[in-house]
Amino acid sequence: MDHSSITGRQLAAARTLAELSQADVAKAANVSIPTLKRMEGASGSVPGMTNNVAAVVRALEAAGIAFIDGDYAGSGGPGVRLRDGQG
């Protein structure tokens, strides 16, 4: 998935679904908590440096999250889910 298509709501939903705090994700991604808060607060595509967005996505994927883009059949738009065997 192209990280430029990730939305702030997806990041926030993914973190919540993985039962992680902002501090947990920020530490795993090596970004600051304020940076993560700005990312999650975006109403559309996540602002910020692409390497930071990619690091947050990788941290959430490592926690068992799968990102679903808006083209996924039947999804109704971008979203997140736990991968099989997670949770």
PDB file of N, CA and C in Angstrom:
ATOM      1  N   MET A   1       0.848  -1.189   0.000  1.00  0.00           N
ATOM      2  CA  MET A   1       0.000   0.000   0.000  1.00  0.00           C
ATOM      3  C   MET A   1       0.885   1.240   0.000  1.00  0.00           C
ATOM      4  N   ASP A   2       0.499   2.201  -0.795  1.00  0.00           N
ATOM      5  CA  ASP A   2       1.203   3.474  -0.873  1.00  0.00           C
ATOM      6  C   ASP A   2       0.940   4.259   0.409  1.00  0.00           C
ATOM      7  N   HIS A   3       1.990   4.589   1.141  1.00  0.00           N
ATOM      8  CA  HIS A   3       1.819   5.281   2.421  1.00  0.00           C
ATOM      9  C   HIS A   3       1.215   6.667   2.274  1.00  0.00           C
ATOM     10  N   SER A   4       1.294   7.243   1.080  1.00  0.00           N
ATOM     11  CA  SER A   4       0.706   8.567   0.881  1.00  0.00           C
ATOM     12  C   SER A   4      -0.819   8.513   0.897  1.00  0.00           C
ATOM     13  N   SER A   5      -1.386   7.317   0.800  1.00  0.00           N
ATOM     14  CA  SER A   5      -2.843   7.194   0.822  1.00  0.00           C
ATOM     15  C   SER A   5      -3.378   6.883   2.221  1.00  0.00           C
ATOM     16  N   ILE A   6      -2.507   6.718   3.199  1.00  0.00           N
ATOM     17  CA  ILE A   6      -2.923   6.461   4.581  1.00  0.00           C
ATOM     18  C   ILE A   6      -3.539   7.728   5.155  1.00  0.00           C
ATOM     19  N   THR A   7      -4.647   7.580   5.867  1.00  0.00           N
ATOM     20  CA  THR A   7      -5.304   8.735   6.484  1.00  0.00           C
ATOM     21  C   THR A   7      -5.025   8.773   7.986  1.00  0.00           C
ATOM     22  N   GLY A   8      -5.205   9.950   8.551  1.00  0.00           N
ATOM     23  CA  GLY A   8      -5.037  10.106   9.985  1.00  0.00           C
ATOM     24  C   GLY A   8      -6.000   9.230  10.769  1.00  0.00           C
ATOM     25  N   ARG A   9      -7.218   9.119  10.268  1.00  0.00           N
ATOM     26  CA  ARG A   9      -8.214   8.274  10.945  1.00  0.00           C
ATOM     27  C   ARG A   9      -7.808   6.808  10.927  1.00  0.00           C
ATOM     28  N   GLN A  10      -7.183   6.370   9.830  1.00  0.00           N
ATOM     29  CA  GLN A  10      -6.691   4.994   9.775  1.00  0.00           C
ATOM     30  C   GLN A  10      -5.629   4.756  10.847  1.00  0.00           C
ATOM     31  N   LEU A  11      -4.709   5.702  10.991  1.00  0.00           N
ATOM     32  CA  LEU A  11      -3.657   5.544  12.001  1.00  0.00           C
ATOM     33  C   LEU A  11      -4.255   5.470  13.400  1.00  0.00           C
ATOM     34  N   ALA A  12      -5.185   6.373  13.706  1.00  0.00           N
ATOM     35  CA  ALA A  12      -5.805   6.381  15.029  1.00  0.00           C
ATOM     36  C   ALA A  12      -6.595   5.098  15.270  1.00  0.00           C
ATOM     37  N   ALA A  13      -7.341   4.656  14.261  1.00  0.00           N
ATOM     38  CA  ALA A  13      -8.121   3.423  14.397  1.00  0.00           C
ATOM     39  C   ALA A  13      -7.207   2.213  14.562  1.00  0.00           C
ATOM     40  N   ALA A  14      -6.127   2.187  13.797  1.00  0.00           N
ATOM     41  CA  ALA A  14      -5.180   1.079  13.879  1.00  0.00           C
ATOM     42  C   ALA A  14      -4.556   0.997  15.266  1.00  0.00           C
ATOM     43  N   ARG A  15      -4.157   2.146  15.798  1.00  0.00           N
ATOM     44  CA  ARG A  15      -3.541   2.167  17.130  1.00  0.00           C
ATOM     45  C   ARG A  15      -4.521   1.672  18.182  1.00  0.00           C
ATOM     46  N   THR A  16      -5.768   2.126  18.083  1.00  0.00           N
ATOM     47  CA  THR A  16      -6.790   1.709  19.036  1.00  0.00           C
ATOM     48  C   THR A  16      -7.066   0.211  18.907  1.00  0.00           C
ATOM     49  N   LEU A  17      -7.191  -0.275  17.686  1.00  0.00           N
ATOM     50  CA  LEU A  17      -7.452  -1.689  17.452  1.00  0.00           C
ATOM     51  C   LEU A  17      -6.324  -2.560  17.994  1.00  0.00           C
ATOM     52  N   ALA A  18      -5.099  -2.086  17.886  1.00  0.00           N
ATOM     53  CA  ALA A  18      -3.937  -2.818  18.393  1.00  0.00           C
ATOM     54  C   ALA A  18      -3.757  -2.650  19.902  1.00  0.00           C
ATOM     55  N   GLU A  19      -4.617  -1.830  20.508  1.00  0.00           N
ATOM     56  CA  GLU A  19      -4.573  -1.559  21.958  1.00  0.00           C
ATOM     57  C   GLU A  19      -3.217  -0.998  22.389  1.00  0.00           C
ATOM     58  N   LEU A  20      -2.743  -0.017  21.602  1.00  0.00           N
ATOM     59  CA  LEU A  20      -1.482   0.651  21.894  1.00  0.00           C
ATOM     60  C   LEU A  20      -1.739   2.112  22.228  1.00  0.00           C
ATOM     61  N   SER A  21      -0.921   2.675  23.098  1.00  0.00           N
ATOM     62  CA  SER A  21      -1.007   4.102  23.393  1.00  0.00           C
ATOM     63  C   SER A  21      -0.233   4.879  22.332  1.00  0.00           C
ATOM     64  N   GLN A  22      -0.459   6.180  22.298  1.00  0.00           N
ATOM     65  CA  GLN A  22       0.332   7.009  21.382  1.00  0.00           C
ATOM     66  C   GLN A  22       1.806   6.912  21.734  1.00  0.00           C
ATOM     67  N   ALA A  23       2.120   6.839  23.017  1.00  0.00           N
ATOM     68  CA  ALA A  23       3.516   6.723  23.437  1.00  0.00           C
ATOM     69  C   ALA A  23       4.128   5.419  22.935  1.00  0.00           C
ATOM     70  N   ASP A  24       3.353   4.322  22.974  1.00  0.00           N
ATOM     71  CA  ASP A  24       3.845   3.028  22.483  1.00  0.00           C
ATOM     72  C   ASP A  24       4.203   3.097  20.996  1.00  0.00           C
ATOM     73  N   VAL A  25       3.291   3.639  20.214  1.00  0.00           N
ATOM     74  CA  VAL A  25       3.505   3.702  18.760  1.00  0.00           C
ATOM     75  C   VAL A  25       4.633   4.673  18.432  1.00  0.00           C
ATOM     76  N   ALA A  26       4.638   5.830  19.086  1.00  0.00           N
ATOM     77  CA  ALA A  26       5.691   6.814  18.830  1.00  0.00           C
ATOM     78  C   ALA A  26       7.068   6.223  19.124  1.00  0.00           C
ATOM     79  N   LYS A  27       7.175   5.493  20.222  1.00  0.00           N
ATOM     80  CA  LYS A  27       8.459   4.879  20.570  1.00  0.00           C
ATOM     81  C   LYS A  27       8.848   3.820  19.541  1.00  0.00           C
ATOM     82  N   ALA A  28       7.902   2.965  19.152  1.00  0.00           N
ATOM     83  CA  ALA A  28       8.192   1.902  18.183  1.00  0.00           C
ATOM     84  C   ALA A  28       8.581   2.474  16.823  1.00  0.00           C
ATOM     85  N   ALA A  29       8.015   3.622  16.481  1.00  0.00           N
ATOM     86  CA  ALA A  29       8.283   4.245  15.173  1.00  0.00           C
ATOM     87  C   ALA A  29       9.420   5.263  15.236  1.00  0.00           C
ATOM     88  N   ASN A  30       9.909   5.539  16.429  1.00  0.00           N
ATOM     89  CA  ASN A  30      10.970   6.523  16.625  1.00  0.00           C
ATOM     90  C   ASN A  30      10.553   7.909  16.127  1.00  0.00           C
ATOM     91  N   VAL A  31       9.320   8.301  16.481  1.00  0.00           N
ATOM     92  CA  VAL A  31       8.830   9.653  16.212  1.00  0.00           C
ATOM     93  C   VAL A  31       8.355  10.236  17.534  1.00  0.00           C
ATOM     94  N   SER A  32       8.180  11.534  17.591  1.00  0.00           N
ATOM     95  CA  SER A  32       7.702  12.148  18.822  1.00  0.00           C
ATOM     96  C   SER A  32       6.192  11.963  18.960  1.00  0.00           C
ATOM     97  N   ILE A  33       5.714  12.038  20.188  1.00  0.00           N
ATOM     98  CA  ILE A  33       4.272  11.937  20.427  1.00  0.00           C
ATOM     99  C   ILE A  33       3.531  13.082  19.733  1.00  0.00           C
ATOM    100  N   PRO A  34       4.012  14.332  19.804  1.00  0.00           N
ATOM    101  CA  PRO A  34       3.319  15.400  19.071  1.00  0.00           C
ATOM    102  C   PRO A  34       3.247  15.136  17.560  1.00  0.00           C
ATOM    103  N   THR A  35       4.297  14.543  16.990  1.00  0.00           N
ATOM    104  CA  THR A  35       4.272  14.204  15.563  1.00  0.00           C
ATOM    105  C   THR A  35       3.174  13.184  15.291  1.00  0.00           C
ATOM    106  N   LEU A  36       3.086  12.150  16.118  1.00  0.00           N
ATOM    107  CA  LEU A  36       2.046  11.137  15.943  1.00  0.00           C
ATOM    108  C   LEU A  36       0.659  11.753  16.118  1.00  0.00           C
ATOM    109  N   LYS A  37       0.511  12.639  17.092  1.00  0.00           N
ATOM    110  CA  LYS A  37      -0.783  13.295  17.290  1.00  0.00           C
ATOM    111  C   LYS A  37      -1.195  14.095  16.060  1.00  0.00           C
ATOM    112  N   ARG A  38      -0.252  14.808  15.458  1.00  0.00           N
ATOM    113  CA  ARG A  38      -0.553  15.555  14.230  1.00  0.00           C
ATOM    114  C   ARG A  38      -0.959  14.611  13.102  1.00  0.00           C
ATOM    115  N   MET A  39      -0.259  13.507  12.996  1.00  0.00           N
ATOM    116  CA  MET A  39      -0.598  12.524  11.960  1.00  0.00           C
ATOM    117  C   MET A  39      -2.016  11.993  12.161  1.00  0.00           C
ATOM    118  N   GLU A  40      -2.320  11.577  13.377  1.00  0.00           N
ATOM    119  CA  GLU A  40      -3.644  11.011  13.666  1.00  0.00           C
ATOM    120  C   GLU A  40      -4.754  12.039  13.531  1.00  0.00           C
ATOM    121  N   GLY A  41      -4.439  13.298  13.743  1.00  0.00           N
ATOM    122  CA  GLY A  41      -5.446  14.353  13.685  1.00  0.00           C
ATOM    123  C   GLY A  41      -5.803  14.799  12.281  1.00  0.00           C
ATOM    124  N   ALA A  42      -5.083  14.302  11.295  1.00  0.00           N
ATOM    125  CA  ALA A  42      -5.350  14.699   9.908  1.00  0.00           C
ATOM    126  C   ALA A  42      -6.686  14.124   9.449  1.00  0.00           C
ATOM    127  N   SER A  43      -7.494  14.966   8.811  1.00  0.00           N
ATOM    128  CA  SER A  43      -8.787  14.487   8.324  1.00  0.00           C
ATOM    129  C   SER A  43      -8.649  13.725   7.013  1.00  0.00           C
ATOM    130  N   GLY A  44      -7.560  13.947   6.309  1.00  0.00           N
ATOM    131  CA  GLY A  44      -7.304  13.251   5.045  1.00  0.00           C
ATOM    132  C   GLY A  44      -5.980  12.531   5.115  1.00  0.00           C
ATOM    133  N   SER A  45      -5.236  12.587   4.028  1.00  0.00           N
ATOM    134  CA  SER A  45      -3.915  11.956   3.987  1.00  0.00           C
ATOM    135  C   SER A  45      -3.034  12.511   5.097  1.00  0.00           C
ATOM    136  N   VAL A  46      -2.194  11.638   5.624  1.00  0.00           N
ATOM    137  CA  VAL A  46      -1.345  12.011   6.756  1.00  0.00           C
ATOM    138  C   VAL A  46      -0.280  12.996   6.308  1.00  0.00           C
ATOM    139  N   PRO A  47      -0.188  14.141   7.015  1.00  0.00           N
ATOM    140  CA  PRO A  47       0.875  15.091   6.690  1.00  0.00           C
ATOM    141  C   PRO A  47       2.187  14.639   7.324  1.00  0.00           C
ATOM    142  N   GLY A  48       3.249  15.179   6.834  1.00  0.00           N
ATOM    143  CA  GLY A  48       4.532  14.899   7.456  1.00  0.00           C
ATOM    144  C   GLY A  48       5.489  14.227   6.506  1.00  0.00           C
ATOM    145  N   MET A  49       6.664  13.977   7.026  1.00  0.00           N
ATOM    146  CA  MET A  49       7.717  13.367   6.221  1.00  0.00           C
ATOM    147  C   MET A  49       7.350  11.914   5.918  1.00  0.00           C
ATOM    148  N   THR A  50       7.550  11.517   4.681  1.00  0.00           N
ATOM    149  CA  THR A  50       7.142  10.171   4.272  1.00  0.00           C
ATOM    150  C   THR A  50       7.841   9.084   5.080  1.00  0.00           C
ATOM    151  N   ASN A  51       9.081   9.334   5.496  1.00  0.00           N
ATOM    152  CA  ASN A  51       9.777   8.314   6.292  1.00  0.00           C
ATOM    153  C   ASN A  51       9.126   8.149   7.663  1.00  0.00           C
ATOM    154  N   ASN A  52       8.591   9.229   8.246  1.00  0.00           N
ATOM    155  CA  ASN A  52       7.899   9.121   9.534  1.00  0.00           C
ATOM    156  C   ASN A  52       6.578   8.364   9.377  1.00  0.00           C
ATOM    157  N   VAL A  53       5.845   8.664   8.319  1.00  0.00           N
ATOM    158  CA  VAL A  53       4.581   7.967   8.060  1.00  0.00           C
ATOM    159  C   VAL A  53       4.868   6.478   7.867  1.00  0.00           C
ATOM    160  N   ALA A  54       5.870   6.162   7.080  1.00  0.00           N
ATOM    161  CA  ALA A  54       6.223   4.763   6.836  1.00  0.00           C
ATOM    162  C   ALA A  54       6.624   4.058   8.132  1.00  0.00           C
ATOM    163  N   ALA A  55       7.346   4.751   9.008  1.00  0.00           N
ATOM    164  CA  ALA A  55       7.770   4.150  10.278  1.00  0.00           C
ATOM    165  C   ALA A  55       6.576   3.845  11.174  1.00  0.00           C
ATOM    166  N   VAL A  56       5.596   4.742  11.205  1.00  0.00           N
ATOM    167  CA  VAL A  56       4.393   4.513  12.014  1.00  0.00           C
ATOM    168  C   VAL A  56       3.599   3.347  11.440  1.00  0.00           C
ATOM    169  N   VAL A  57       3.449   3.316  10.125  1.00  0.00           N
ATOM    170  CA  VAL A  57       2.726   2.212   9.483  1.00  0.00           C
ATOM    171  C   VAL A  57       3.422   0.886   9.791  1.00  0.00           C
ATOM    172  N   ARG A  58       4.746   0.843   9.673  1.00  0.00           N
ATOM    173  CA  ARG A  58       5.493  -0.396   9.975  1.00  0.00           C
ATOM    174  C   ARG A  58       5.293  -0.823  11.425  1.00  0.00           C
ATOM    175  N   ALA A  59       5.312   0.131  12.348  1.00  0.00           N
ATOM    176  CA  ALA A  59       5.124  -0.197  13.765  1.00  0.00           C
ATOM    177  C   ALA A  59       3.736  -0.797  13.999  1.00  0.00           C
ATOM    178  N   LEU A  60       2.734  -0.231  13.345  1.00  0.00           N
ATOM    179  CA  LEU A  60       1.375  -0.748  13.506  1.00  0.00           C
ATOM    180  C   LEU A  60       1.214  -2.104  12.815  1.00  0.00           C
ATOM    181  N   GLU A  61       1.837  -2.269  11.674  1.00  0.00           N
ATOM    182  CA  GLU A  61       1.790  -3.570  10.995  1.00  0.00           C
ATOM    183  C   GLU A  61       2.478  -4.639  11.852  1.00  0.00           C
ATOM    184  N   ALA A  62       3.562  -4.276  12.517  1.00  0.00           N
ATOM    185  CA  ALA A  62       4.257  -5.210  13.397  1.00  0.00           C
ATOM    186  C   ALA A  62       3.385  -5.612  14.585  1.00  0.00           C
ATOM    187  N   ALA A  63       2.430  -4.748  14.928  1.00  0.00           N
ATOM    188  CA  ALA A  63       1.504  -5.033  16.027  1.00  0.00           C
ATOM    189  C   ALA A  63       0.285  -5.825  15.548  1.00  0.00           C
ATOM    190  N   GLY A  64       0.282  -6.205  14.261  1.00  0.00           N
ATOM    191  CA  GLY A  64      -0.788  -7.050  13.755  1.00  0.00           C
ATOM    192  C   GLY A  64      -1.855  -6.361  12.943  1.00  0.00           C
ATOM    193  N   ILE A  65      -1.614  -5.125  12.544  1.00  0.00           N
ATOM    194  CA  ILE A  65      -2.605  -4.358  11.791  1.00  0.00           C
ATOM    195  C   ILE A  65      -2.384  -4.530  10.292  1.00  0.00           C
ATOM    196  N   ALA A  66      -3.488  -4.653   9.562  1.00  0.00           N
ATOM    197  CA  ALA A  66      -3.457  -4.636   8.094  1.00  0.00           C
ATOM    198  C   ALA A  66      -4.207  -3.396   7.654  1.00  0.00           C
ATOM    199  N   PHE A  67      -3.580  -2.604   6.804  1.00  0.00           N
ATOM    200  CA  PHE A  67      -4.215  -1.405   6.261  1.00  0.00           C
ATOM    201  C   PHE A  67      -4.956  -1.785   4.987  1.00  0.00           C
ATOM    202  N   ILE A  68      -6.179  -1.285   4.853  1.00  0.00           N
ATOM    203  CA  ILE A  68      -7.024  -1.576   3.694  1.00  0.00           C
ATOM    204  C   ILE A  68      -7.221  -0.279   2.930  1.00  0.00           C
ATOM    205  N   ASP A  69      -6.890  -0.302   1.644  1.00  0.00           N
ATOM    206  CA  ASP A  69      -7.059   0.915   0.859  1.00  0.00           C
ATOM    207  C   ASP A  69      -8.499   1.016   0.358  1.00  0.00           C
ATOM    208  N   GLY A  70      -8.837   2.132  -0.192  1.00  0.00           N
ATOM    209  CA  GLY A  70     -10.200   2.393  -0.644  1.00  0.00           C
ATOM    210  C   GLY A  70     -10.627   1.567  -1.828  1.00  0.00           C
ATOM    211  N   ASP A  71      -9.688   0.888  -2.484  1.00  0.00           N
ATOM    212  CA  ASP A  71     -10.024   0.060  -3.637  1.00  0.00           C
ATOM    213  C   ASP A  71     -10.319  -1.388  -3.255  1.00  0.00           C
ATOM    214  N   TYR A  72     -10.169  -1.720  -1.969  1.00  0.00           N
ATOM    215  CA  TYR A  72     -10.417  -3.083  -1.513  1.00  0.00           C
ATOM    216  C   TYR A  72     -11.896  -3.421  -1.705  1.00  0.00           C
ATOM    217  N   ALA A  73     -12.194  -4.519  -2.365  1.00  0.00           N
ATOM    218  CA  ALA A  73     -13.576  -4.885  -2.713  1.00  0.00           C
ATOM    219  C   ALA A  73     -14.464  -4.923  -1.473  1.00  0.00           C
ATOM    220  N   GLY A  74     -15.518  -4.161  -1.510  1.00  0.00           N
ATOM    221  CA  GLY A  74     -16.504  -4.167  -0.431  1.00  0.00           C
ATOM    222  C   GLY A  74     -16.114  -3.386   0.806  1.00  0.00           C
ATOM    223  N   SER A  75     -14.987  -2.700   0.763  1.00  0.00           N
ATOM    224  CA  SER A  75     -14.522  -2.028   1.981  1.00  0.00           C
ATOM    225  C   SER A  75     -15.253  -0.721   2.252  1.00  0.00           C
ATOM    226  N   GLY A  76     -15.761  -0.083   1.212  1.00  0.00           N
ATOM    227  CA  GLY A  76     -16.418   1.200   1.417  1.00  0.00           C
ATOM    228  C   GLY A  76     -15.445   2.335   1.636  1.00  0.00           C
ATOM    229  N   GLY A  77     -14.173   2.090   1.504  1.00  0.00           N
ATOM    230  CA  GLY A  77     -13.166   3.117   1.695  1.00  0.00           C
ATOM    231  C   GLY A  77     -12.005   2.582   2.492  1.00  0.00           C
ATOM    232  N   PRO A  78     -11.044   3.428   2.798  1.00  0.00           N
ATOM    233  CA  PRO A  78      -9.867   2.978   3.534  1.00  0.00           C
ATOM    234  C   PRO A  78     -10.232   2.545   4.945  1.00  0.00           C
ATOM    235  N   GLY A  79      -9.485   1.591   5.467  1.00  0.00           N
ATOM    236  CA  GLY A  79      -9.743   1.106   6.815  1.00  0.00           C
ATOM    237  C   GLY A  79      -8.572   0.314   7.352  1.00  0.00           C
ATOM    238  N   VAL A  80      -8.816  -0.375   8.453  1.00  0.00           N
ATOM    239  CA  VAL A  80      -7.818  -1.226   9.098  1.00  0.00           C
ATOM    240  C   VAL A  80      -8.514  -2.459   9.641  1.00  0.00           C
ATOM    241  N   ARG A  81      -7.722  -3.495   9.820  1.00  0.00           N
ATOM    242  CA  ARG A  81      -8.231  -4.704  10.481  1.00  0.00           C
ATOM    243  C   ARG A  81      -7.067  -5.421  11.113  1.00  0.00           C
ATOM    244  N   LEU A  82      -7.379  -6.331  12.034  1.00  0.00           N
ATOM    245  CA  LEU A  82      -6.341  -7.197  12.589  1.00  0.00           C
ATOM    246  C   LEU A  82      -6.075  -8.308  11.595  1.00  0.00           C
ATOM    247  N   ARG A  83      -4.821  -8.640  11.422  1.00  0.00           N
ATOM    248  CA  ARG A  83      -4.480  -9.770  10.564  1.00  0.00           C
ATOM    249  C   ARG A  83      -4.929 -11.055  11.230  1.00  0.00           C
ATOM    250  N   ASP A  84      -5.154 -12.088  10.441  1.00  0.00           N
ATOM    251  CA  ASP A  84      -5.549 -13.394  10.974  1.00  0.00           C
ATOM    252  C   ASP A  84      -4.570 -13.831  12.061  1.00  0.00           C
ATOM    253  N   GLY A  85      -5.129 -14.373  13.131  1.00  0.00           N
ATOM    254  CA  GLY A  85      -4.300 -14.863  14.229  1.00  0.00           C
ATOM    255  C   GLY A  85      -3.904 -13.791  15.225  1.00  0.00           C
ATOM    256  N   GLN A  86      -4.360 -12.546  15.027  1.00  0.00           N
ATOM    257  CA  GLN A  86      -4.034 -11.447  15.944  1.00  0.00           C
ATOM    258  C   GLN A  86      -5.226 -11.188  16.851  1.00  0.00           C
ATOM    259  N   GLY A  87      -4.943 -10.603  18.007  1.00  0.00           N
ATOM    260  CA  GLY A  87      -6.012 -10.151  18.892  1.00  0.00           C
ATOM    261  C   GLY A  87      -6.533 -11.118  19.796  1.00  0.00           C
TER     262      GLY A  87
END
